[in-house]
Amino acid sequence: MCSHRPSCPATDSCAPHVVAAHPEQGWNLLCDGTIAFDDTGELLPDGSVVAPHRGPAERLAVAA
């Protein structure tokens, strides 16, 4: 359910979409009120926090 007005158009996906992008600051506002950060962390509309969820370091690419 989208909380912004006007409501989001219907899509095939239930996933919220970006309504305000701020790549220079490292975050995006989603249509459900969530702030999603580039480090994969999130700030939910109720004020709770989702910690960044990164993969294991051994899966990261190494520059030569």
C-alpha atoms as a PDB file:
ATOM      1  CA  MET A   1       0.000   0.000   0.000  1.00  0.00           C
ATOM      2  CA  CYS A   2       1.410   3.315  -1.049  1.00  0.00           C
ATOM      3  CA  SER A   3       1.157   6.235   1.369  1.00  0.00           C
ATOM      4  CA  HIS A   4       1.952   9.152  -0.929  1.00  0.00           C
ATOM      5  CA  ARG A   5      -0.583  11.202  -2.842  1.00  0.00           C
ATOM      6  CA  PRO A   6      -1.439  10.733  -5.591  1.00  0.00           C
ATOM      7  CA  SER A   7      -1.244   6.974  -5.147  1.00  0.00           C
ATOM      8  CA  CYS A   8       1.282   4.952  -7.075  1.00  0.00           C
ATOM      9  CA  PRO A   9       0.089   3.461 -10.338  1.00  0.00           C
ATOM     10  CA  ALA A  10      -0.719  -0.234 -10.172  1.00  0.00           C
ATOM     11  CA  THR A  11       2.196  -2.463 -11.122  1.00  0.00           C
ATOM     12  CA  ASP A  12       2.874  -6.190 -11.339  1.00  0.00           C
ATOM     13  CA  SER A  13       5.205  -5.935  -8.355  1.00  0.00           C
ATOM     14  CA  CYS A  14       4.353  -5.256  -4.722  1.00  0.00           C
ATOM     15  CA  ALA A  15       7.784  -3.678  -4.228  1.00  0.00           C
ATOM     16  CA  PRO A  16       7.763   0.039  -3.434  1.00  0.00           C
ATOM     17  CA  HIS A  17       9.399   2.328  -5.953  1.00  0.00           C
ATOM     18  CA  VAL A  18      11.595   5.409  -5.642  1.00  0.00           C
ATOM     19  CA  VAL A  19       9.709   8.709  -5.434  1.00  0.00           C
ATOM     20  CA  ALA A  20      12.713  10.896  -4.536  1.00  0.00           C
ATOM     21  CA  ALA A  21      16.285   9.942  -5.439  1.00  0.00           C
ATOM     22  CA  HIS A  22      19.285  11.518  -3.713  1.00  0.00           C
ATOM     23  CA  PRO A  23      22.297   9.551  -4.994  1.00  0.00           C
ATOM     24  CA  GLU A  24      24.662  12.388  -4.057  1.00  0.00           C
ATOM     25  CA  GLN A  25      23.653  11.826  -0.421  1.00  0.00           C
ATOM     26  CA  GLY A  26      23.349   8.044  -0.639  1.00  0.00           C
ATOM     27  CA  TRP A  27      19.624   7.541  -0.050  1.00  0.00           C
ATOM     28  CA  ASN A  28      16.246   7.211  -1.778  1.00  0.00           C
ATOM     29  CA  LEU A  29      12.712   7.811  -0.516  1.00  0.00           C
ATOM     30  CA  LEU A  30      10.349   4.980  -1.442  1.00  0.00           C
ATOM     31  CA  CYS A  31       6.613   5.368  -2.033  1.00  0.00           C
ATOM     32  CA  ASP A  32       5.795   3.510   1.199  1.00  0.00           C
ATOM     33  CA  GLY A  33       7.723   6.091   3.259  1.00  0.00           C
ATOM     34  CA  THR A  34      10.868   3.994   3.706  1.00  0.00           C
ATOM     35  CA  ILE A  35      14.263   5.647   3.297  1.00  0.00           C
ATOM     36  CA  ALA A  36      16.639   3.186   1.630  1.00  0.00           C
ATOM     37  CA  PHE A  37      20.363   3.866   1.973  1.00  0.00           C
ATOM     38  CA  ASP A  38      23.094   2.891  -0.507  1.00  0.00           C
ATOM     39  CA  ASP A  39      24.733   0.657   2.122  1.00  0.00           C
ATOM     40  CA  THR A  40      21.509  -1.483   2.068  1.00  0.00           C
ATOM     41  CA  GLY A  41      20.260  -0.145   5.418  1.00  0.00           C
ATOM     42  CA  GLU A  42      16.743   1.242   5.753  1.00  0.00           C
ATOM     43  CA  LEU A  43      14.798   3.637   7.954  1.00  0.00           C
ATOM     44  CA  LEU A  44      11.159   2.515   8.090  1.00  0.00           C
ATOM     45  CA  PRO A  45       8.181   4.896   8.374  1.00  0.00           C
ATOM     46  CA  ASP A  46       7.564   3.830  11.988  1.00  0.00           C
ATOM     47  CA  GLY A  47      11.108   4.929  12.920  1.00  0.00           C
ATOM     48  CA  SER A  48      12.577   1.437  13.181  1.00  0.00           C
ATOM     49  CA  VAL A  49      15.894   0.647  11.524  1.00  0.00           C
ATOM     50  CA  VAL A  50      16.918  -2.221   9.234  1.00  0.00           C
ATOM     51  CA  ALA A  51      20.666  -2.738   9.554  1.00  0.00           C
ATOM     52  CA  PRO A  52      22.741  -3.000   6.373  1.00  0.00           C
ATOM     53  CA  HIS A  53      22.769  -6.539   5.021  1.00  0.00           C
ATOM     54  CA  ARG A  54      25.918  -7.177   3.066  1.00  0.00           C
ATOM     55  CA  GLY A  55      27.300 -10.382   1.626  1.00  0.00           C
ATOM     56  CA  PRO A  56      30.448 -12.067   2.933  1.00  0.00           C
ATOM     57  CA  ALA A  57      33.689 -10.209   2.200  1.00  0.00           C
ATOM     58  CA  GLU A  58      35.148 -13.133   0.247  1.00  0.00           C
ATOM     59  CA  ARG A  59      32.458 -12.588  -2.406  1.00  0.00           C
ATOM     60  CA  LEU A  60      33.607  -9.036  -3.100  1.00  0.00           C
ATOM     61  CA  ALA A  61      35.569  -8.347  -6.259  1.00  0.00           C
ATOM     62  CA  VAL A  62      39.223  -7.449  -5.862  1.00  0.00           C
ATOM     63  CA  ALA A  63      40.786  -4.807  -8.097  1.00  0.00           C
ATOM     64  CA  ALA A  64      44.202  -5.719  -9.429  1.00  0.00           C
END
